[in-house]
């Protein structure tokens, strides 16, 4: 009887361990997918920021600073 009981305990522990490993792998795959989504979103944000252009006025709309009459 001791042999059958120890085999049952071993089988239960083995199944529990396999379930725990499966759950951990499933969780890690989910974390990996979330990291990939975050990385893609960050890359898109950087690209959008670099696409912004500064438009400079064509004419001289700003008044010139007054010049000093003294020479330096």
PDB file of N, CA and C in Angstrom:
ATOM      1  N   UNK A   1       0.812  -1.197   0.000  1.00  0.00           N
ATOM      2  CA  UNK A   1       0.000   0.000   0.000  1.00  0.00           C
ATOM      3  C   UNK A   1       0.853   1.257   0.000  1.00  0.00           C
ATOM      4  N   UNK A   2       1.958   1.229   0.713  1.00  0.00           N
ATOM      5  CA  UNK A   2       2.830   2.388   0.769  1.00  0.00           C
ATOM      6  C   UNK A   2       3.340   2.748  -0.614  1.00  0.00           C
ATOM      7  N   UNK A   3       3.555   1.777  -1.429  1.00  0.00           N
ATOM      8  CA  UNK A   3       4.074   2.011  -2.764  1.00  0.00           C
ATOM      9  C   UNK A   3       3.027   2.718  -3.628  1.00  0.00           C
ATOM     10  N   UNK A   4       1.767   2.272  -3.537  1.00  0.00           N
ATOM     11  CA  UNK A   4       0.696   2.886  -4.304  1.00  0.00           C
ATOM     12  C   UNK A   4       0.435   4.326  -3.832  1.00  0.00           C
ATOM     13  N   UNK A   5       0.483   4.537  -2.537  1.00  0.00           N
ATOM     14  CA  UNK A   5       0.262   5.875  -1.982  1.00  0.00           C
ATOM     15  C   UNK A   5       1.379   6.828  -2.411  1.00  0.00           C
ATOM     16  N   UNK A   6       2.613   6.350  -2.367  1.00  0.00           N
ATOM     17  CA  UNK A   6       3.721   7.231  -2.753  1.00  0.00           C
ATOM     18  C   UNK A   6       3.678   7.541  -4.255  1.00  0.00           C
ATOM     19  N   UNK A   7       3.220   6.577  -5.059  1.00  0.00           N
ATOM     20  CA  UNK A   7       3.076   6.834  -6.488  1.00  0.00           C
ATOM     21  C   UNK A   7       1.983   7.859  -6.756  1.00  0.00           C
ATOM     22  N   UNK A   8       0.903   7.774  -6.013  1.00  0.00           N
ATOM     23  CA  UNK A   8      -0.193   8.733  -6.174  1.00  0.00           C
ATOM     24  C   UNK A   8       0.255  10.137  -5.770  1.00  0.00           C
ATOM     25  N   UNK A   9       0.993  10.224  -4.684  1.00  0.00           N
ATOM     26  CA  UNK A   9       1.496  11.531  -4.232  1.00  0.00           C
ATOM     27  C   UNK A   9       2.466  12.089  -5.277  1.00  0.00           C
ATOM     28  N   UNK A  10       3.324  11.232  -5.821  1.00  0.00           N
ATOM     29  CA  UNK A  10       4.272  11.678  -6.840  1.00  0.00           C
ATOM     30  C   UNK A  10       3.527  12.165  -8.089  1.00  0.00           C
ATOM     31  N   UNK A  11       2.516  11.421  -8.527  1.00  0.00           N
ATOM     32  CA  UNK A  11       1.748  11.813  -9.716  1.00  0.00           C
ATOM     33  C   UNK A  11       1.024  13.137  -9.482  1.00  0.00           C
ATOM     34  N   UNK A  12       0.463  13.325  -8.302  1.00  0.00           N
ATOM     35  CA  UNK A  12      -0.231  14.569  -7.979  1.00  0.00           C
ATOM     36  C   UNK A  12       0.753  15.734  -7.968  1.00  0.00           C
ATOM     37  N   UNK A  13       1.932  15.519  -7.377  1.00  0.00           N
ATOM     38  CA  UNK A  13       2.949  16.577  -7.337  1.00  0.00           C
ATOM     39  C   UNK A  13       3.440  16.902  -8.745  1.00  0.00           C
ATOM     40  N   UNK A  14       3.603  15.875  -9.569  1.00  0.00           N
ATOM     41  CA  UNK A  14       4.051  16.077 -10.945  1.00  0.00           C
ATOM     42  C   UNK A  14       3.023  16.870 -11.743  1.00  0.00           C
ATOM     43  N   UNK A  15       1.761  16.525 -11.596  1.00  0.00           N
ATOM     44  CA  UNK A  15       0.696  17.253 -12.309  1.00  0.00           C
ATOM     45  C   UNK A  15       0.598  18.698 -11.821  1.00  0.00           C
ATOM     46  N   UNK A  16       0.721  18.893 -10.523  1.00  0.00           N
ATOM     47  CA  UNK A  16       0.678  20.244  -9.964  1.00  0.00           C
ATOM     48  C   UNK A  16       1.850  21.070 -10.478  1.00  0.00           C
ATOM     49  N   UNK A  17       3.029  20.467 -10.510  1.00  0.00           N
ATOM     50  CA  UNK A  17       4.209  21.171 -11.016  1.00  0.00           C
ATOM     51  C   UNK A  17       4.069  21.526 -12.491  1.00  0.00           C
ATOM     52  N   UNK A  18       3.551  20.593 -13.267  1.00  0.00           N
ATOM     53  CA  UNK A  18       3.353  20.865 -14.697  1.00  0.00           C
ATOM     54  C   UNK A  18       2.338  21.988 -14.889  1.00  0.00           C
ATOM     55  N   UNK A  19       1.289  22.004 -14.086  1.00  0.00           N
ATOM     56  CA  UNK A  19       0.296  23.069 -14.176  1.00  0.00           C
ATOM     57  C   UNK A  19       0.908  24.420 -13.803  1.00  0.00           C
ATOM     58  N   UNK A  20       1.759  24.435 -12.787  1.00  0.00           N
ATOM     59  CA  UNK A  20       2.405  25.674 -12.370  1.00  0.00           C
ATOM     60  C   UNK A  20       3.353  26.192 -13.452  1.00  0.00           C
ATOM     61  N   UNK A  21       4.096  25.299 -14.075  1.00  0.00           N
ATOM     62  CA  UNK A  21       4.999  25.701 -15.151  1.00  0.00           C
ATOM     63  C   UNK A  21       4.202  26.244 -16.336  1.00  0.00           C
ATOM     64  N   UNK A  22       3.118  25.579 -16.680  1.00  0.00           N
ATOM     65  CA  UNK A  22       2.267  26.045 -17.765  1.00  0.00           C
ATOM     66  C   UNK A  22       1.688  27.422 -17.487  1.00  0.00           C
ATOM     67  N   UNK A  23       1.244  27.635 -16.269  1.00  0.00           N
ATOM     68  CA  UNK A  23       0.700  28.940 -15.888  1.00  0.00           C
ATOM     69  C   UNK A  23       1.773  30.019 -15.962  1.00  0.00           C
ATOM     70  N   UNK A  24       2.980  29.701 -15.515  1.00  0.00           N
ATOM     71  CA  UNK A  24       4.077  30.678 -15.555  1.00  0.00           C
ATOM     72  C   UNK A  24       4.437  31.026 -16.992  1.00  0.00           C
ATOM     73  N   UNK A  25       4.496  30.040 -17.855  1.00  0.00           N
ATOM     74  CA  UNK A  25       4.817  30.293 -19.263  1.00  0.00           C
ATOM     75  C   UNK A  25       3.724  31.120 -19.912  1.00  0.00           C
ATOM     76  N   UNK A  26       2.477  30.806 -19.610  1.00  0.00           N
ATOM     77  CA  UNK A  26       1.357  31.577 -20.160  1.00  0.00           C
ATOM     78  C   UNK A  26       1.445  33.032 -19.701  1.00  0.00           C
ATOM     79  N   UNK A  27       1.783  33.249 -18.443  1.00  0.00           N
ATOM     80  CA  UNK A  27       1.929  34.603 -17.927  1.00  0.00           C
ATOM     81  C   UNK A  27       3.079  35.343 -18.581  1.00  0.00           C
ATOM     82  N   UNK A  28       4.202  34.647 -18.778  1.00  0.00           N
ATOM     83  CA  UNK A  28       5.354  35.286 -19.415  1.00  0.00           C
ATOM     84  C   UNK A  28       5.071  35.645 -20.861  1.00  0.00           C
ATOM     85  N   UNK A  29       4.310  34.812 -21.547  1.00  0.00           N
ATOM     86  CA  UNK A  29       3.947  35.119 -22.932  1.00  0.00           C
ATOM     87  C   UNK A  29       3.077  36.367 -22.960  1.00  0.00           C
ATOM     88  N   UNK A  30       2.176  36.496 -22.023  1.00  0.00           N
ATOM     89  CA  UNK A  30       1.332  37.691 -21.939  1.00  0.00           C
ATOM     90  C   UNK A  30       2.151  38.939 -21.652  1.00  0.00           C
ATOM     91  N   UNK A  31       3.128  38.820 -20.751  1.00  0.00           N
ATOM     92  CA  UNK A  31       3.996  39.954 -20.442  1.00  0.00           C
ATOM     93  C   UNK A  31       4.820  40.325 -21.670  1.00  0.00           C
ATOM     94  N   UNK A  32       5.318  39.331 -22.393  1.00  0.00           N
ATOM     95  CA  UNK A  32       6.110  39.582 -23.593  1.00  0.00           C
ATOM     96  C   UNK A  32       5.281  40.315 -24.648  1.00  0.00           C
ATOM     97  N   UNK A  33       4.037  39.899 -24.830  1.00  0.00           N
ATOM     98  CA  UNK A  33       3.170  40.571 -25.800  1.00  0.00           C
ATOM     99  C   UNK A  33       2.910  42.018 -25.387  1.00  0.00           C
ATOM    100  N   UNK A  34       2.725  42.248 -24.099  1.00  0.00           N
ATOM    101  CA  UNK A  34       2.484  43.612 -23.612  1.00  0.00           C
ATOM    102  C   UNK A  34       3.726  44.478 -23.809  1.00  0.00           C
ATOM    103  N   UNK A  35       4.899  43.914 -23.583  1.00  0.00           N
ATOM    104  CA  UNK A  35       6.145  44.662 -23.808  1.00  0.00           C
ATOM    105  C   UNK A  35       6.327  44.996 -25.282  1.00  0.00           C
ATOM    106  N   UNK A  36       5.976  44.063 -26.150  1.00  0.00           N
ATOM    107  CA  UNK A  36       6.085  44.329 -27.587  1.00  0.00           C
ATOM    108  C   UNK A  36       5.142  45.459 -27.999  1.00  0.00           C
ATOM    109  N   UNK A  37       3.918  45.454 -27.479  1.00  0.00           N
ATOM    110  CA  UNK A  37       2.972  46.520 -27.792  1.00  0.00           C
ATOM    111  C   UNK A  37       3.485  47.865 -27.290  1.00  0.00           C
ATOM    112  N   UNK A  38       4.065  47.868 -26.099  1.00  0.00           N
ATOM    113  CA  UNK A  38       4.600  49.109 -25.547  1.00  0.00           C
ATOM    114  C   UNK A  38       5.768  49.621 -26.378  1.00  0.00           C
ATOM    115  N   UNK A  39       6.632  48.713 -26.827  1.00  0.00           N
ATOM    116  CA  UNK A  39       7.782  49.111 -27.643  1.00  0.00           C
ATOM    117  C   UNK A  39       7.332  49.694 -28.974  1.00  0.00           C
ATOM    118  N   UNK A  40       6.340  49.092 -29.589  1.00  0.00           N
ATOM    119  CA  UNK A  40       5.830  49.605 -30.862  1.00  0.00           C
ATOM    120  C   UNK A  40       5.197  50.974 -30.660  1.00  0.00           C
ATOM    121  N   UNK A  41       4.449  51.139 -29.587  1.00  0.00           N
ATOM    122  CA  UNK A  41       3.815  52.431 -29.311  1.00  0.00           C
ATOM    123  C   UNK A  41       4.872  53.507 -29.067  1.00  0.00           C
ATOM    124  N   UNK A  42       5.945  53.155 -28.357  1.00  0.00           N
ATOM    125  CA  UNK A  42       7.010  54.120 -28.107  1.00  0.00           C
ATOM    126  C   UNK A  42       7.714  54.504 -29.403  1.00  0.00           C
ATOM    127  N   UNK A  43       7.945  53.548 -30.271  1.00  0.00           N
ATOM    128  CA  UNK A  43       8.585  53.849 -31.554  1.00  0.00           C
ATOM    129  C   UNK A  43       7.702  54.757 -32.400  1.00  0.00           C
ATOM    130  N   UNK A  44       6.416  54.503 -32.417  1.00  0.00           N
ATOM    131  CA  UNK A  44       5.497  55.345 -33.187  1.00  0.00           C
ATOM    132  C   UNK A  44       5.472  56.767 -32.629  1.00  0.00           C
ATOM    133  N   UNK A  45       5.547  56.888 -31.323  1.00  0.00           N
ATOM    134  CA  UNK A  45       5.537  58.216 -30.710  1.00  0.00           C
ATOM    135  C   UNK A  45       6.804  58.975 -31.089  1.00  0.00           C
ATOM    136  N   UNK A  46       7.943  58.311 -31.062  1.00  0.00           N
ATOM    137  CA  UNK A  46       9.205  58.963 -31.430  1.00  0.00           C
ATOM    138  C   UNK A  46       9.161  59.386 -32.887  1.00  0.00           C
ATOM    139  N   UNK A  47       8.632  58.535 -33.740  1.00  0.00           N
ATOM    140  CA  UNK A  47       8.545  58.859 -35.163  1.00  0.00           C
ATOM    141  C   UNK A  47       7.638  60.069 -35.364  1.00  0.00           C
ATOM    142  N   UNK A  48       6.506  60.109 -34.667  1.00  0.00           N
ATOM    143  CA  UNK A  48       5.591  61.244 -34.798  1.00  0.00           C
ATOM    144  C   UNK A  48       6.243  62.535 -34.321  1.00  0.00           C
ATOM    145  N   UNK A  49       7.024  62.470 -33.251  1.00  0.00           N
ATOM    146  CA  UNK A  49       7.690  63.667 -32.741  1.00  0.00           C
ATOM    147  C   UNK A  49       8.744  64.157 -33.726  1.00  0.00           C
ATOM    148  N   UNK A  50       9.407  63.246 -34.410  1.00  0.00           N
ATOM    149  CA  UNK A  50      10.417  63.640 -35.375  1.00  0.00           C
ATOM    150  C   UNK A  50       9.788  64.158 -36.672  1.00  0.00           C
ATOM    151  N   UNK A  51       8.560  63.799 -36.920  1.00  0.00           N
ATOM    152  CA  UNK A  51       7.889  64.254 -38.138  1.00  0.00           C
ATOM    153  C   UNK A  51       7.402  65.692 -38.037  1.00  0.00           C
ATOM    154  N   UNK A  52       7.326  66.220 -36.843  1.00  0.00           N
ATOM    155  CA  UNK A  52       6.877  67.596 -36.683  1.00  0.00           C
ATOM    156  C   UNK A  52       7.920  68.534 -37.285  1.00  0.00           C
ATOM    157  N   UNK A  53       7.455  69.479 -38.076  1.00  0.00           N
ATOM    158  CA  UNK A  53       8.361  70.432 -38.712  1.00  0.00           C
ATOM    159  C   UNK A  53       8.111  71.823 -38.159  1.00  0.00           C
ATOM    160  N   UNK A  54       9.159  72.585 -38.076  1.00  0.00           N
ATOM    161  CA  UNK A  54       9.038  73.970 -37.640  1.00  0.00           C
ATOM    162  C   UNK A  54       8.897  74.820 -38.892  1.00  0.00           C
ATOM    163  N   UNK A  55       7.830  75.582 -38.934  1.00  0.00           N
ATOM    164  CA  UNK A  55       7.593  76.436 -40.094  1.00  0.00           C
ATOM    165  C   UNK A  55       8.115  77.823 -39.756  1.00  0.00           C
ATOM    166  N   UNK A  56       9.035  78.308 -40.567  1.00  0.00           N
ATOM    167  CA  UNK A  56       9.592  79.633 -40.354  1.00  0.00           C
ATOM    168  C   UNK A  56       8.890  80.613 -41.272  1.00  0.00           C
ATOM    169  N   UNK A  57       8.668  81.829 -40.795  1.00  0.00           N
ATOM    170  CA  UNK A  57       8.009  82.815 -41.642  1.00  0.00           C
ATOM    171  C   UNK A  57       8.893  83.167 -42.839  1.00  0.00           C
ATOM    172  N   UNK A  58       8.252  83.426 -43.975  1.00  0.00           N
ATOM    173  CA  UNK A  58       9.003  83.742 -45.195  1.00  0.00           C
ATOM    174  C   UNK A  58       9.481  85.186 -45.187  1.00  0.00           C
ATOM    175  N   UNK A  59       8.686  86.055 -44.652  1.00  0.00           N
ATOM    176  CA  UNK A  59       9.061  87.465 -44.620  1.00  0.00           C
ATOM    177  C   UNK A  59       9.722  87.812 -43.306  1.00  0.00           C
ATOM    178  N   UNK A  60      10.159  89.040 -43.190  1.00  0.00           N
ATOM    179  CA  UNK A  60      10.768  89.486 -41.951  1.00  0.00           C
ATOM    180  C   UNK A  60       9.676  90.131 -41.101  1.00  0.00           C
ATOM    181  N   UNK A  61       8.911  89.319 -40.410  1.00  0.00           N
ATOM    182  CA  UNK A  61       7.786  89.808 -39.620  1.00  0.00           C
ATOM    183  C   UNK A  61       8.228  90.407 -38.287  1.00  0.00           C
ATOM    184  N   UNK A  62       9.391  90.008 -37.822  1.00  0.00           N
ATOM    185  CA  UNK A  62       9.858  90.491 -36.527  1.00  0.00           C
ATOM    186  C   UNK A  62      10.669  91.764 -36.715  1.00  0.00           C
ATOM    187  N   UNK A  63      10.446  92.763 -35.879  1.00  0.00           N
ATOM    188  CA  UNK A  63      11.243  93.981 -36.007  1.00  0.00           C
ATOM    189  C   UNK A  63      12.681  93.706 -35.590  1.00  0.00           C
ATOM    190  N   UNK A  64      13.601  94.369 -36.253  1.00  0.00           N
ATOM    191  CA  UNK A  64      15.015  94.185 -35.940  1.00  0.00           C
ATOM    192  C   UNK A  64      15.321  94.835 -34.607  1.00  0.00           C
ATOM    193  N   UNK A  65      16.245  94.238 -33.888  1.00  0.00           N
ATOM    194  CA  UNK A  65      16.657  94.802 -32.608  1.00  0.00           C
ATOM    195  C   UNK A  65      17.399  96.104 -32.864  1.00  0.00           C
ATOM    196  N   UNK A  66      17.181  97.106 -32.037  1.00  0.00           N
ATOM    197  CA  UNK A  66      17.875  98.377 -32.249  1.00  0.00           C
ATOM    198  C   UNK A  66      19.382  98.196 -32.095  1.00  0.00           C
ATOM    199  N   UNK A  67      20.123  98.804 -32.999  1.00  0.00           N
ATOM    200  CA  UNK A  67      21.579  98.679 -32.961  1.00  0.00           C
ATOM    201  C   UNK A  67      22.162  99.783 -32.085  1.00  0.00           C
ATOM    202  N   UNK A  68      23.190  99.416 -31.406  1.00  0.00           N
ATOM    203  CA  UNK A  68      23.868 100.377 -30.560  1.00  0.00           C
ATOM    204  C   UNK A  68      24.816 101.214 -31.434  1.00  0.00           C
ATOM    205  N   UNK A  69      24.957 102.488 -31.111  1.00  0.00           N
ATOM    206  CA  UNK A  69      25.854 103.356 -31.888  1.00  0.00           C
ATOM    207  C   UNK A  69      27.303 103.217 -31.437  1.00  0.00           C
ATOM    208  N   UNK A  70      27.488 102.581 -30.314  1.00  0.00           N
ATOM    209  CA  UNK A  70      28.849 102.392 -29.820  1.00  0.00           C
ATOM    210  C   UNK A  70      29.463 101.148 -30.431  1.00  0.00           C
ATOM    211  N   UNK A  71      30.750 101.238 -30.726  1.00  0.00           N
ATOM    212  CA  UNK A  71      31.473 100.079 -31.226  1.00  0.00           C
ATOM    213  C   UNK A  71      32.081  99.320 -30.057  1.00  0.00           C
ATOM    214  N   UNK A  72      32.142  98.063 -30.216  1.00  0.00           N
ATOM    215  CA  UNK A  72      32.714  97.224 -29.153  1.00  0.00           C
ATOM    216  C   UNK A  72      34.159  96.980 -29.421  1.00  0.00           C
TER     217      UNK A  72
END
